[in-house]
Each structure stands twice: as C-alpha cells, then as structure tokens.
C-alpha cells in the first residue's frame, strides 16, 4: 500500500472517529461540523472558488467562514449533518464559494488544518 493511500486511510479513520471535527449546535437545526478542504480551484474572475472537501453522504454544505489576510485567505468549510446514524465514510464534496474581494495572488489555507490548499 502506498504512503498516499495510508495517509488517506488514516485521515478517513480520524474523520470517522470525529477527531478532526468541531461541532456546535445551530439554533433549532442539525449539528454543524467543520470539514477538511482537499483542494481549491480558482476561476478566471479571481473570486470564484471550487472547493473540494471530505464529507459524507449524510450531510449538506452549510456555509464557509473566510478570513482575508494580506498574504493569505483562510477558509473554514462547514457542513450540516442531516442523519447522524448514517455510516460516516469519506466522500469528496464540491462547493462553489465566491470571495468578497479578489484573490490577488494570496495563498488559500484550510482553517481546520492550517494547510495550504492553493497557491498561485
């Protein structure tokens, strides 16, 4: 088994165990959990991002929190868990996110892992 597959397997096990998620309750709604961003693509308009993150089939995208810095943009992606009894398996999800300001050659960091997920 390659190192990359082992690393992916470990990540999925940690995700399934809840070790990589932070949960807080929204008023009268399902739990909201932060997700690990896998990668990001930037459109030609320099504001539209295609964000891929690890999730499950039992959730839907909630929102993203974006922190704009001088040299980087930090993004936290959140999902709403619709069915907590669903088996948690790693499933790559995709969501389009529009920035309030142009990327302007800043790197993009996953707020959950402090990992660079895109760089110019």
PDB file of N, CA and C in Angstrom:
ATOM      1  N   UNK A   1       0.848  -1.164   0.000  1.00  0.00           N
ATOM      2  CA  UNK A   1       0.000   0.000   0.000  1.00  0.00           C
ATOM      3  C   UNK A   1       0.899   1.235   0.000  1.00  0.00           C
ATOM      4  N   UNK A   2       0.601   2.206  -0.859  1.00  0.00           N
ATOM      5  CA  UNK A   2       1.435   3.392  -0.971  1.00  0.00           C
ATOM      6  C   UNK A   2       1.242   4.309   0.238  1.00  0.00           C
ATOM      7  N   UNK A   3       2.221   5.174   0.434  1.00  0.00           N
ATOM      8  CA  UNK A   3       2.158   6.127   1.542  1.00  0.00           C
ATOM      9  C   UNK A   3       0.930   7.020   1.412  1.00  0.00           C
ATOM     10  N   UNK A   4       0.615   7.425   0.179  1.00  0.00           N
ATOM     11  CA  UNK A   4      -0.528   8.307  -0.046  1.00  0.00           C
ATOM     12  C   UNK A   4      -1.839   7.625   0.365  1.00  0.00           C
ATOM     13  N   UNK A   5      -1.982   6.343   0.033  1.00  0.00           N
ATOM     14  CA  UNK A   5      -3.189   5.607   0.414  1.00  0.00           C
ATOM     15  C   UNK A   5      -3.274   5.422   1.928  1.00  0.00           C
ATOM     16  N   UNK A   6      -2.140   5.173   2.551  1.00  0.00           N
ATOM     17  CA  UNK A   6      -2.122   5.020   4.004  1.00  0.00           C
ATOM     18  C   UNK A   6      -2.520   6.336   4.665  1.00  0.00           C
ATOM     19  N   UNK A   7      -1.963   7.448   4.163  1.00  0.00           N
ATOM     20  CA  UNK A   7      -2.294   8.769   4.721  1.00  0.00           C
ATOM     21  C   UNK A   7      -3.772   9.064   4.544  1.00  0.00           C
ATOM     22  N   UNK A   8      -4.334   8.729   3.382  1.00  0.00           N
ATOM     23  CA  UNK A   8      -5.754   8.945   3.145  1.00  0.00           C
ATOM     24  C   UNK A   8      -6.592   8.089   4.086  1.00  0.00           C
ATOM     25  N   UNK A   9      -6.200   6.843   4.267  1.00  0.00           N
ATOM     26  CA  UNK A   9      -6.917   5.933   5.156  1.00  0.00           C
ATOM     27  C   UNK A   9      -6.905   6.451   6.598  1.00  0.00           C
ATOM     28  N   UNK A  10      -5.752   6.915   7.060  1.00  0.00           N
ATOM     29  CA  UNK A  10      -5.644   7.457   8.419  1.00  0.00           C
ATOM     30  C   UNK A  10      -6.534   8.689   8.557  1.00  0.00           C
ATOM     31  N   UNK A  11      -6.528   9.566   7.567  1.00  0.00           N
ATOM     32  CA  UNK A  11      -7.367  10.759   7.602  1.00  0.00           C
ATOM     33  C   UNK A  11      -8.842  10.385   7.683  1.00  0.00           C
ATOM     34  N   UNK A  12      -9.249   9.418   6.879  1.00  0.00           N
ATOM     35  CA  UNK A  12     -10.646   8.998   6.893  1.00  0.00           C
ATOM     36  C   UNK A  12     -11.039   8.373   8.224  1.00  0.00           C
ATOM     37  N   UNK A  13     -10.140   7.590   8.816  1.00  0.00           N
ATOM     38  CA  UNK A  13     -10.423   6.981  10.114  1.00  0.00           C
ATOM     39  C   UNK A  13     -10.581   8.065  11.178  1.00  0.00           C
ATOM     40  N   UNK A  14      -9.695   9.060  11.154  1.00  0.00           N
ATOM     41  CA  UNK A  14      -9.804  10.157  12.123  1.00  0.00           C
ATOM     42  C   UNK A  14     -11.085  10.950  11.911  1.00  0.00           C
ATOM     43  N   UNK A  15     -11.430  11.188  10.646  1.00  0.00           N
ATOM     44  CA  UNK A  15     -12.665  11.895  10.348  1.00  0.00           C
ATOM     45  C   UNK A  15     -13.864  11.108  10.861  1.00  0.00           C
ATOM     46  N   UNK A  16     -13.857   9.808  10.622  1.00  0.00           N
ATOM     47  CA  UNK A  16     -14.968   8.964  11.075  1.00  0.00           C
ATOM     48  C   UNK A  16     -15.062   8.923  12.594  1.00  0.00           C
ATOM     49  N   UNK A  17     -13.925   9.008  13.249  1.00  0.00           N
ATOM     50  CA  UNK A  17     -13.915   8.961  14.707  1.00  0.00           C
ATOM     51  C   UNK A  17     -14.302  10.303  15.326  1.00  0.00           C
ATOM     52  N   UNK A  18     -14.422  11.316  14.492  1.00  0.00           N
ATOM     53  CA  UNK A  18     -14.786  12.635  14.999  1.00  0.00           C
ATOM     54  C   UNK A  18     -13.610  13.399  15.566  1.00  0.00           C
ATOM     55  N   UNK A  19     -12.393  12.919  15.325  1.00  0.00           N
ATOM     56  CA  UNK A  19     -11.208  13.569  15.883  1.00  0.00           C
ATOM     57  C   UNK A  19     -10.836  14.831  15.128  1.00  0.00           C
ATOM     58  N   UNK A  20     -11.337  15.008  13.919  1.00  0.00           N
ATOM     59  CA  UNK A  20     -10.949  16.170  13.128  1.00  0.00           C
ATOM     60  C   UNK A  20     -12.096  17.146  12.939  1.00  0.00           C
ATOM     61  N   UNK A  21     -13.167  16.985  13.678  1.00  0.00           N
ATOM     62  CA  UNK A  21     -14.293  17.892  13.510  1.00  0.00           C
ATOM     63  C   UNK A  21     -14.601  18.605  14.807  1.00  0.00           C
ATOM     64  N   UNK A  22     -15.082  19.807  14.649  1.00  0.00           N
ATOM     65  CA  UNK A  22     -15.560  20.579  15.783  1.00  0.00           C
ATOM     66  C   UNK A  22     -17.054  20.765  15.548  1.00  0.00           C
ATOM     67  N   UNK A  23     -17.864  20.487  16.522  1.00  0.00           N
ATOM     68  CA  UNK A  23     -19.312  20.559  16.346  1.00  0.00           C
ATOM     69  C   UNK A  23     -19.886  21.607  17.278  1.00  0.00           C
ATOM     70  N   UNK A  24     -20.819  22.389  16.744  1.00  0.00           N
ATOM     71  CA  UNK A  24     -21.598  23.284  17.588  1.00  0.00           C
ATOM     72  C   UNK A  24     -23.010  23.298  17.037  1.00  0.00           C
ATOM     73  N   UNK A  25     -23.966  23.506  17.896  1.00  0.00           N
ATOM     74  CA  UNK A  25     -25.364  23.455  17.501  1.00  0.00           C
ATOM     75  C   UNK A  25     -25.801  24.808  16.943  1.00  0.00           C
ATOM     76  N   UNK A  26     -26.507  24.761  15.834  1.00  0.00           N
ATOM     77  CA  UNK A  26     -27.188  25.938  15.325  1.00  0.00           C
ATOM     78  C   UNK A  26     -28.558  25.990  15.984  1.00  0.00           C
ATOM     79  N   UNK A  27     -29.115  27.165  16.139  1.00  0.00           N
ATOM     80  CA  UNK A  27     -30.440  27.245  16.741  1.00  0.00           C
ATOM     81  C   UNK A  27     -31.445  26.405  15.946  1.00  0.00           C
ATOM     82  N   UNK A  28     -32.126  25.478  16.612  1.00  0.00           N
ATOM     83  CA  UNK A  28     -33.168  24.636  16.029  1.00  0.00           C
ATOM     84  C   UNK A  28     -32.729  23.985  14.727  1.00  0.00           C
ATOM     85  N   UNK A  29     -31.569  23.403  14.711  1.00  0.00           N
ATOM     86  CA  UNK A  29     -31.113  22.763  13.491  1.00  0.00           C
ATOM     87  C   UNK A  29     -30.138  21.644  13.762  1.00  0.00           C
ATOM     88  N   UNK A  30     -29.713  20.997  12.712  1.00  0.00           N
ATOM     89  CA  UNK A  30     -28.770  19.887  12.851  1.00  0.00           C
ATOM     90  C   UNK A  30     -27.373  20.380  13.219  1.00  0.00           C
ATOM     91  N   UNK A  31     -26.508  19.474  13.678  1.00  0.00           N
ATOM     92  CA  UNK A  31     -25.149  19.859  14.037  1.00  0.00           C
ATOM     93  C   UNK A  31     -24.377  20.391  12.828  1.00  0.00           C
ATOM     94  N   UNK A  32     -23.551  21.358  13.065  1.00  0.00           N
ATOM     95  CA  UNK A  32     -22.707  21.975  12.041  1.00  0.00           C
ATOM     96  C   UNK A  32     -21.274  21.558  12.349  1.00  0.00           C
ATOM     97  N   UNK A  33     -20.594  20.961  11.359  1.00  0.00           N
ATOM     98  CA  UNK A  33     -19.238  20.465  11.578  1.00  0.00           C
ATOM     99  C   UNK A  33     -18.283  21.053  10.552  1.00  0.00           C
ATOM    100  N   UNK A  34     -17.078  21.369  11.015  1.00  0.00           N
ATOM    101  CA  UNK A  34     -16.052  21.865  10.112  1.00  0.00           C
ATOM    102  C   UNK A  34     -15.480  20.685   9.328  1.00  0.00           C
ATOM    103  N   UNK A  35     -15.111  20.932   8.086  1.00  0.00           N
ATOM    104  CA  UNK A  35     -14.609  19.882   7.206  1.00  0.00           C
ATOM    105  C   UNK A  35     -13.192  20.196   6.728  1.00  0.00           C
ATOM    106  N   UNK A  36     -12.482  19.150   6.316  1.00  0.00           N
ATOM    107  CA  UNK A  36     -11.118  19.280   5.807  1.00  0.00           C
ATOM    108  C   UNK A  36     -11.176  19.556   4.307  1.00  0.00           C
ATOM    109  N   UNK A  37     -10.576  20.666   3.883  1.00  0.00           N
ATOM    110  CA  UNK A  37     -10.520  21.010   2.468  1.00  0.00           C
ATOM    111  C   UNK A  37      -9.432  20.176   1.812  1.00  0.00           C
ATOM    112  N   UNK A  38      -9.786  19.551   0.708  1.00  0.00           N
ATOM    113  CA  UNK A  38      -8.847  18.732  -0.045  1.00  0.00           C
ATOM    114  C   UNK A  38      -8.050  19.597  -1.030  1.00  0.00           C
ATOM    115  N   UNK A  39      -8.762  20.381  -1.849  1.00  0.00           N
ATOM    116  CA  UNK A  39      -8.088  21.303  -2.761  1.00  0.00           C
ATOM    117  C   UNK A  39      -9.064  22.369  -3.226  1.00  0.00           C
ATOM    118  N   UNK A  40      -8.516  23.376  -3.901  1.00  0.00           N
ATOM    119  CA  UNK A  40      -9.297  24.515  -4.364  1.00  0.00           C
ATOM    120  C   UNK A  40      -8.874  24.841  -5.791  1.00  0.00           C
ATOM    121  N   UNK A  41      -9.846  25.158  -6.626  1.00  0.00           N
ATOM    122  CA  UNK A  41      -9.574  25.686  -7.955  1.00  0.00           C
ATOM    123  C   UNK A  41     -10.091  27.111  -7.993  1.00  0.00           C
ATOM    124  N   UNK A  42      -9.361  27.987  -8.678  1.00  0.00           N
ATOM    125  CA  UNK A  42      -9.732  29.394  -8.764  1.00  0.00           C
ATOM    126  C   UNK A  42     -10.148  29.701 -10.198  1.00  0.00           C
ATOM    127  N   UNK A  43     -11.320  30.324 -10.366  1.00  0.00           N
ATOM    128  CA  UNK A  43     -11.817  30.682 -11.694  1.00  0.00           C
ATOM    129  C   UNK A  43     -11.075  31.912 -12.209  1.00  0.00           C
ATOM    130  N   UNK A  44     -11.243  32.191 -13.495  1.00  0.00           N
ATOM    131  CA  UNK A  44     -10.572  33.317 -14.137  1.00  0.00           C
ATOM    132  C   UNK A  44     -10.962  34.670 -13.540  1.00  0.00           C
ATOM    133  N   UNK A  45     -12.140  34.763 -12.904  1.00  0.00           N
ATOM    134  CA  UNK A  45     -12.569  36.039 -12.314  1.00  0.00           C
ATOM    135  C   UNK A  45     -11.834  36.369 -11.019  1.00  0.00           C
ATOM    136  N   UNK A  46     -10.995  35.441 -10.514  1.00  0.00           N
ATOM    137  CA  UNK A  46     -10.173  35.629  -9.312  1.00  0.00           C
ATOM    138  C   UNK A  46     -11.000  35.784  -8.033  1.00  0.00           C
ATOM    139  N   UNK A  47     -12.287  35.410  -8.093  1.00  0.00           N
ATOM    140  CA  UNK A  47     -13.162  35.476  -6.916  1.00  0.00           C
ATOM    141  C   UNK A  47     -13.944  34.191  -6.679  1.00  0.00           C
ATOM    142  N   UNK A  48     -14.188  33.428  -7.731  1.00  0.00           N
ATOM    143  CA  UNK A  48     -14.989  32.220  -7.619  1.00  0.00           C
ATOM    144  C   UNK A  48     -14.080  31.017  -7.387  1.00  0.00           C
ATOM    145  N   UNK A  49     -14.335  30.309  -6.290  1.00  0.00           N
ATOM    146  CA  UNK A  49     -13.537  29.144  -5.931  1.00  0.00           C
ATOM    147  C   UNK A  49     -14.388  27.888  -6.034  1.00  0.00           C
ATOM    148  N   UNK A  50     -13.779  26.815  -6.505  1.00  0.00           N
ATOM    149  CA  UNK A  50     -14.380  25.494  -6.422  1.00  0.00           C
ATOM    150  C   UNK A  50     -13.625  24.779  -5.315  1.00  0.00           C
ATOM    151  N   UNK A  51     -14.307  24.536  -4.213  1.00  0.00           N
ATOM    152  CA  UNK A  51     -13.681  23.953  -3.029  1.00  0.00           C
ATOM    153  C   UNK A  51     -14.105  22.491  -2.910  1.00  0.00           C
ATOM    154  N   UNK A  52     -13.122  21.617  -2.801  1.00  0.00           N
ATOM    155  CA  UNK A  52     -13.386  20.188  -2.596  1.00  0.00           C
ATOM    156  C   UNK A  52     -12.990  19.843  -1.161  1.00  0.00           C
ATOM    157  N   UNK A  53     -13.894  19.166  -0.484  1.00  0.00           N
ATOM    158  CA  UNK A  53     -13.643  18.830   0.916  1.00  0.00           C
ATOM    159  C   UNK A  53     -14.169  17.432   1.202  1.00  0.00           C
ATOM    160  N   UNK A  54     -13.684  16.840   2.284  1.00  0.00           N
ATOM    161  CA  UNK A  54     -14.110  15.495   2.675  1.00  0.00           C
ATOM    162  C   UNK A  54     -15.355  15.594   3.531  1.00  0.00           C
ATOM    163  N   UNK A  55     -16.388  14.857   3.132  1.00  0.00           N
ATOM    164  CA  UNK A  55     -17.639  14.853   3.870  1.00  0.00           C
ATOM    165  C   UNK A  55     -18.251  13.465   3.843  1.00  0.00           C
ATOM    166  N   UNK A  56     -19.569  13.412   4.000  1.00  0.00           N
ATOM    167  CA  UNK A  56     -20.295  12.146   3.944  1.00  0.00           C
ATOM    168  C   UNK A  56     -21.549  12.338   3.109  1.00  0.00           C
ATOM    169  N   UNK A  57     -22.210  11.232   2.790  1.00  0.00           N
ATOM    170  CA  UNK A  57     -23.457  11.312   2.032  1.00  0.00           C
ATOM    171  C   UNK A  57     -24.622  11.753   2.910  1.00  0.00           C
ATOM    172  N   UNK A  58     -24.398  11.882   4.200  1.00  0.00           N
ATOM    173  CA  UNK A  58     -25.458  12.214   5.160  1.00  0.00           C
ATOM    174  C   UNK A  58     -25.412  13.683   5.590  1.00  0.00           C
ATOM    175  N   UNK A  59     -24.842  14.526   4.770  1.00  0.00           N
ATOM    176  CA  UNK A  59     -24.731  15.938   5.139  1.00  0.00           C
ATOM    177  C   UNK A  59     -24.885  16.798   3.901  1.00  0.00           C
ATOM    178  N   UNK A  60     -25.042  18.085   4.160  1.00  0.00           N
ATOM    179  CA  UNK A  60     -25.075  19.054   3.073  1.00  0.00           C
ATOM    180  C   UNK A  60     -24.242  20.259   3.474  1.00  0.00           C
ATOM    181  N   UNK A  61     -23.746  20.970   2.489  1.00  0.00           N
ATOM    182  CA  UNK A  61     -22.934  22.159   2.730  1.00  0.00           C
ATOM    183  C   UNK A  61     -23.751  23.172   3.528  1.00  0.00           C
ATOM    184  N   UNK A  62     -23.130  23.768   4.539  1.00  0.00           N
ATOM    185  CA  UNK A  62     -23.787  24.780   5.354  1.00  0.00           C
ATOM    186  C   UNK A  62     -23.328  26.169   4.931  1.00  0.00           C
ATOM    187  N   UNK A  63     -22.054  26.441   5.154  1.00  0.00           N
ATOM    188  CA  UNK A  63     -21.502  27.750   4.841  1.00  0.00           C
ATOM    189  C   UNK A  63     -19.982  27.690   4.943  1.00  0.00           C
ATOM    190  N   UNK A  64     -19.361  28.807   4.636  1.00  0.00           N
ATOM    191  CA  UNK A  64     -17.907  28.922   4.747  1.00  0.00           C
ATOM    192  C   UNK A  64     -17.586  30.229   5.461  1.00  0.00           C
ATOM    193  N   UNK A  65     -16.627  30.165   6.360  1.00  0.00           N
ATOM    194  CA  UNK A  65     -16.133  31.369   7.014  1.00  0.00           C
ATOM    195  C   UNK A  65     -14.805  31.711   6.363  1.00  0.00           C
ATOM    196  N   UNK A  66     -14.651  32.963   5.959  1.00  0.00           N
ATOM    197  CA  UNK A  66     -13.466  33.385   5.216  1.00  0.00           C
ATOM    198  C   UNK A  66     -12.795  34.535   5.950  1.00  0.00           C
ATOM    199  N   UNK A  67     -11.494  34.385   6.183  1.00  0.00           N
ATOM    200  CA  UNK A  67     -10.695  35.413   6.827  1.00  0.00           C
ATOM    201  C   UNK A  67      -9.688  35.928   5.801  1.00  0.00           C
ATOM    202  N   UNK A  68      -9.799  37.206   5.449  1.00  0.00           N
ATOM    203  CA  UNK A  68      -8.939  37.809   4.439  1.00  0.00           C
ATOM    204  C   UNK A  68      -7.714  38.438   5.089  1.00  0.00           C
ATOM    205  N   UNK A  69      -6.554  37.926   4.734  1.00  0.00           N
ATOM    206  CA  UNK A  69      -5.300  38.488   5.214  1.00  0.00           C
ATOM    207  C   UNK A  69      -4.545  39.163   4.072  1.00  0.00           C
ATOM    208  N   UNK A  70      -3.400  39.725   4.390  1.00  0.00           N
ATOM    209  CA  UNK A  70      -2.595  40.414   3.379  1.00  0.00           C
ATOM    210  C   UNK A  70      -1.979  39.427   2.394  1.00  0.00           C
ATOM    211  N   UNK A  71      -1.454  38.311   2.893  1.00  0.00           N
ATOM    212  CA  UNK A  71      -0.767  37.342   2.038  1.00  0.00           C
ATOM    213  C   UNK A  71      -1.516  36.024   1.899  1.00  0.00           C
ATOM    214  N   UNK A  72      -2.625  35.865   2.633  1.00  0.00           N
ATOM    215  CA  UNK A  72      -3.351  34.600   2.588  1.00  0.00           C
ATOM    216  C   UNK A  72      -4.827  34.816   2.856  1.00  0.00           C
ATOM    217  N   UNK A  73      -5.609  33.854   2.419  1.00  0.00           N
ATOM    218  CA  UNK A  73      -7.034  33.798   2.732  1.00  0.00           C
ATOM    219  C   UNK A  73      -7.267  32.461   3.410  1.00  0.00           C
ATOM    220  N   UNK A  74      -7.888  32.522   4.580  1.00  0.00           N
ATOM    221  CA  UNK A  74      -8.151  31.304   5.355  1.00  0.00           C
ATOM    222  C   UNK A  74      -9.632  30.974   5.245  1.00  0.00           C
ATOM    223  N   UNK A  75      -9.925  29.712   4.887  1.00  0.00           N
ATOM    224  CA  UNK A  75     -11.313  29.300   4.688  1.00  0.00           C
ATOM    225  C   UNK A  75     -11.643  28.120   5.597  1.00  0.00           C
ATOM    226  N   UNK A  76     -12.787  28.232   6.285  1.00  0.00           N
ATOM    227  CA  UNK A  76     -13.341  27.125   7.059  1.00  0.00           C
ATOM    228  C   UNK A  76     -14.652  26.731   6.384  1.00  0.00           C
ATOM    229  N   UNK A  77     -14.765  25.453   5.994  1.00  0.00           N
ATOM    230  CA  UNK A  77     -15.969  24.938   5.351  1.00  0.00           C
ATOM    231  C   UNK A  77     -16.760  24.148   6.386  1.00  0.00           C
ATOM    232  N   UNK A  78     -18.069  24.419   6.453  1.00  0.00           N
ATOM    233  CA  UNK A  78     -18.943  23.745   7.403  1.00  0.00           C
ATOM    234  C   UNK A  78     -20.044  22.973   6.684  1.00  0.00           C
ATOM    235  N   UNK A  79     -20.413  21.842   7.258  1.00  0.00           N
ATOM    236  CA  UNK A  79     -21.497  21.017   6.729  1.00  0.00           C
ATOM    237  C   UNK A  79     -22.528  20.789   7.822  1.00  0.00           C
ATOM    238  N   UNK A  80     -23.780  20.632   7.403  1.00  0.00           N
ATOM    239  CA  UNK A  80     -24.859  20.275   8.318  1.00  0.00           C
ATOM    240  C   UNK A  80     -25.074  18.780   8.221  1.00  0.00           C
ATOM    241  N   UNK A  81     -24.986  18.099   9.352  1.00  0.00           N
ATOM    242  CA  UNK A  81     -25.184  16.656   9.382  1.00  0.00           C
ATOM    243  C   UNK A  81     -26.684  16.395   9.428  1.00  0.00           C
ATOM    244  N   UNK A  82     -27.203  15.792   8.375  1.00  0.00           N
ATOM    245  CA  UNK A  82     -28.633  15.562   8.242  1.00  0.00           C
ATOM    246  C   UNK A  82     -29.063  14.295   8.977  1.00  0.00           C
ATOM    247  N   UNK A  83     -28.239  13.264   8.901  1.00  0.00           N
ATOM    248  CA  UNK A  83     -28.576  11.978   9.507  1.00  0.00           C
ATOM    249  C   UNK A  83     -27.358  11.481  10.276  1.00  0.00           C
ATOM    250  N   UNK A  84     -27.382  11.596  11.593  1.00  0.00           N
ATOM    251  CA  UNK A  84     -26.234  11.209  12.405  1.00  0.00           C
ATOM    252  C   UNK A  84     -26.057   9.698  12.498  1.00  0.00           C
ATOM    253  N   UNK A  85     -27.080   8.928  12.145  1.00  0.00           N
ATOM    254  CA  UNK A  85     -26.979   7.480  12.205  1.00  0.00           C
ATOM    255  C   UNK A  85     -26.391   6.887  10.936  1.00  0.00           C
ATOM    256  N   UNK A  86     -26.116   7.730   9.975  1.00  0.00           N
ATOM    257  CA  UNK A  86     -25.523   7.298   8.717  1.00  0.00           C
ATOM    258  C   UNK A  86     -24.072   6.885   8.953  1.00  0.00           C
ATOM    259  N   UNK A  87     -23.648   5.877   8.216  1.00  0.00           N
ATOM    260  CA  UNK A  87     -22.254   5.450   8.336  1.00  0.00           C
ATOM    261  C   UNK A  87     -21.364   6.547   7.765  1.00  0.00           C
ATOM    262  N   UNK A  88     -20.404   6.975   8.552  1.00  0.00           N
ATOM    263  CA  UNK A  88     -19.530   8.057   8.123  1.00  0.00           C
ATOM    264  C   UNK A  88     -18.410   7.504   7.247  1.00  0.00           C
ATOM    265  N   UNK A  89     -18.500   7.827   5.979  1.00  0.00           N
ATOM    266  CA  UNK A  89     -17.443   7.423   5.063  1.00  0.00           C
ATOM    267  C   UNK A  89     -16.951   8.653   4.334  1.00  0.00           C
ATOM    268  N   UNK A  90     -15.667   8.678   4.006  1.00  0.00           N
ATOM    269  CA  UNK A  90     -15.093   9.823   3.317  1.00  0.00           C
ATOM    270  C   UNK A  90     -15.638   9.933   1.910  1.00  0.00           C
ATOM    271  N   UNK A  91     -16.268  11.038   1.616  1.00  0.00           N
ATOM    272  CA  UNK A  91     -16.832  11.292   0.303  1.00  0.00           C
ATOM    273  C   UNK A  91     -16.436  12.710  -0.082  1.00  0.00           C
ATOM    274  N   UNK A  92     -15.812  12.850  -1.248  1.00  0.00           N
ATOM    275  CA  UNK A  92     -15.387  14.185  -1.647  1.00  0.00           C
ATOM    276  C   UNK A  92     -16.598  14.988  -2.112  1.00  0.00           C
ATOM    277  N   UNK A  93     -16.794  16.141  -1.486  1.00  0.00           N
ATOM    278  CA  UNK A  93     -17.867  17.065  -1.828  1.00  0.00           C
ATOM    279  C   UNK A  93     -17.271  18.272  -2.532  1.00  0.00           C
ATOM    280  N   UNK A  94     -18.070  18.938  -3.356  1.00  0.00           N
ATOM    281  CA  UNK A  94     -17.618  20.124  -4.075  1.00  0.00           C
ATOM    282  C   UNK A  94     -18.611  21.248  -3.845  1.00  0.00           C
ATOM    283  N   UNK A  95     -18.084  22.443  -3.595  1.00  0.00           N
ATOM    284  CA  UNK A  95     -18.938  23.605  -3.393  1.00  0.00           C
ATOM    285  C   UNK A  95     -18.289  24.836  -4.030  1.00  0.00           C
ATOM    286  N   UNK A  96     -19.093  25.658  -4.684  1.00  0.00           N
ATOM    287  CA  UNK A  96     -18.615  26.920  -5.241  1.00  0.00           C
ATOM    288  C   UNK A  96     -18.749  27.999  -4.175  1.00  0.00           C
ATOM    289  N   UNK A  97     -17.680  28.737  -3.963  1.00  0.00           N
ATOM    290  CA  UNK A  97     -17.665  29.816  -2.975  1.00  0.00           C
ATOM    291  C   UNK A  97     -17.168  31.080  -3.678  1.00  0.00           C
ATOM    292  N   UNK A  98     -17.857  32.186  -3.455  1.00  0.00           N
ATOM    293  CA  UNK A  98     -17.459  33.453  -4.059  1.00  0.00           C
ATOM    294  C   UNK A  98     -16.844  34.349  -2.999  1.00  0.00           C
ATOM    295  N   UNK A  99     -15.631  34.820  -3.267  1.00  0.00           N
ATOM    296  CA  UNK A  99     -14.932  35.712  -2.344  1.00  0.00           C
ATOM    297  C   UNK A  99     -15.493  37.121  -2.452  1.00  0.00           C
ATOM    298  N   UNK A 100     -15.423  37.890  -1.359  1.00  0.00           N
ATOM    299  CA  UNK A 100     -15.871  39.277  -1.357  1.00  0.00           C
ATOM    300  C   UNK A 100     -14.858  40.206  -2.011  1.00  0.00           C
ATOM    301  N   UNK A 101     -13.645  39.739  -2.158  1.00  0.00           N
ATOM    302  CA  UNK A 101     -12.588  40.525  -2.789  1.00  0.00           C
ATOM    303  C   UNK A 101     -11.721  39.590  -3.625  1.00  0.00           C
ATOM    304  N   UNK A 102     -11.006  40.122  -4.615  1.00  0.00           N
ATOM    305  CA  UNK A 102     -10.170  39.275  -5.473  1.00  0.00           C
ATOM    306  C   UNK A 102      -9.085  38.560  -4.667  1.00  0.00           C
ATOM    307  N   UNK A 103      -8.681  37.409  -5.165  1.00  0.00           N
ATOM    308  CA  UNK A 103      -7.642  36.618  -4.508  1.00  0.00           C
ATOM    309  C   UNK A 103      -6.292  37.335  -4.530  1.00  0.00           C
ATOM    310  N   UNK A 104      -5.964  37.997  -5.641  1.00  0.00           N
ATOM    311  CA  UNK A 104      -4.740  38.806  -5.771  1.00  0.00           C
ATOM    312  C   UNK A 104      -3.476  38.065  -5.352  1.00  0.00           C
ATOM    313  N   UNK A 105      -3.270  36.865  -5.868  1.00  0.00           N
ATOM    314  CA  UNK A 105      -2.048  36.077  -5.634  1.00  0.00           C
ATOM    315  C   UNK A 105      -1.818  35.675  -4.181  1.00  0.00           C
ATOM    316  N   UNK A 106      -2.850  35.726  -3.341  1.00  0.00           N
ATOM    317  CA  UNK A 106      -2.723  35.236  -1.972  1.00  0.00           C
ATOM    318  C   UNK A 106      -2.889  33.718  -1.960  1.00  0.00           C
ATOM    319  N   UNK A 107      -2.253  33.065  -1.012  1.00  0.00           N
ATOM    320  CA  UNK A 107      -2.443  31.625  -0.856  1.00  0.00           C
ATOM    321  C   UNK A 107      -3.768  31.389  -0.129  1.00  0.00           C
ATOM    322  N   UNK A 108      -4.295  30.175  -0.276  1.00  0.00           N
ATOM    323  CA  UNK A 108      -5.520  29.792   0.427  1.00  0.00           C
ATOM    324  C   UNK A 108      -5.170  28.698   1.420  1.00  0.00           C
ATOM    325  N   UNK A 109      -5.624  28.881   2.655  1.00  0.00           N
ATOM    326  CA  UNK A 109      -5.326  27.950   3.749  1.00  0.00           C
ATOM    327  C   UNK A 109      -6.616  27.362   4.289  1.00  0.00           C
ATOM    328  N   UNK A 110      -6.599  26.050   4.560  1.00  0.00           N
ATOM    329  CA  UNK A 110      -7.708  25.380   5.228  1.00  0.00           C
ATOM    330  C   UNK A 110      -7.640  25.742   6.708  1.00  0.00           C
ATOM    331  N   UNK A 111      -8.672  26.399   7.213  1.00  0.00           N
ATOM    332  CA  UNK A 111      -8.679  26.848   8.612  1.00  0.00           C
ATOM    333  C   UNK A 111      -8.677  25.687   9.593  1.00  0.00           C
ATOM    334  N   UNK A 112      -9.165  24.529   9.188  1.00  0.00           N
ATOM    335  CA  UNK A 112      -9.231  23.381  10.084  1.00  0.00           C
ATOM    336  C   UNK A 112      -7.859  22.759  10.313  1.00  0.00           C
ATOM    337  N   UNK A 113      -7.038  22.708   9.267  1.00  0.00           N
ATOM    338  CA  UNK A 113      -5.745  22.028   9.368  1.00  0.00           C
ATOM    339  C   UNK A 113      -4.545  22.957   9.243  1.00  0.00           C
ATOM    340  N   UNK A 114      -4.775  24.228   8.965  1.00  0.00           N
ATOM    341  CA  UNK A 114      -3.698  25.206   8.709  1.00  0.00           C
ATOM    342  C   UNK A 114      -2.787  24.763   7.570  1.00  0.00           C
ATOM    343  N   UNK A 115      -3.369  24.089   6.578  1.00  0.00           N
ATOM    344  CA  UNK A 115      -2.647  23.580   5.432  1.00  0.00           C
ATOM    345  C   UNK A 115      -2.916  24.465   4.217  1.00  0.00           C
ATOM    346  N   UNK A 116      -1.884  24.735   3.424  1.00  0.00           N
ATOM    347  CA  UNK A 116      -2.052  25.462   2.170  1.00  0.00           C
ATOM    348  C   UNK A 116      -2.774  24.535   1.196  1.00  0.00           C
ATOM    349  N   UNK A 117      -3.923  24.982   0.671  1.00  0.00           N
ATOM    350  CA  UNK A 117      -4.690  24.168  -0.268  1.00  0.00           C
ATOM    351  C   UNK A 117      -4.681  24.740  -1.675  1.00  0.00           C
ATOM    352  N   UNK A 118      -4.146  25.957  -1.825  1.00  0.00           N
ATOM    353  CA  UNK A 118      -3.966  26.553  -3.143  1.00  0.00           C
ATOM    354  C   UNK A 118      -2.912  27.648  -3.037  1.00  0.00           C
ATOM    355  N   UNK A 119      -2.066  27.710  -4.064  1.00  0.00           N
ATOM    356  CA  UNK A 119      -1.105  28.811  -4.134  1.00  0.00           C
ATOM    357  C   UNK A 119      -0.906  29.190  -5.583  1.00  0.00           C
ATOM    358  N   UNK A 120      -0.664  30.495  -5.818  1.00  0.00           N
ATOM    359  CA  UNK A 120      -0.514  30.981  -7.203  1.00  0.00           C
ATOM    360  C   UNK A 120       0.729  30.423  -7.876  1.00  0.00           C
TER     361      UNK A 120
END
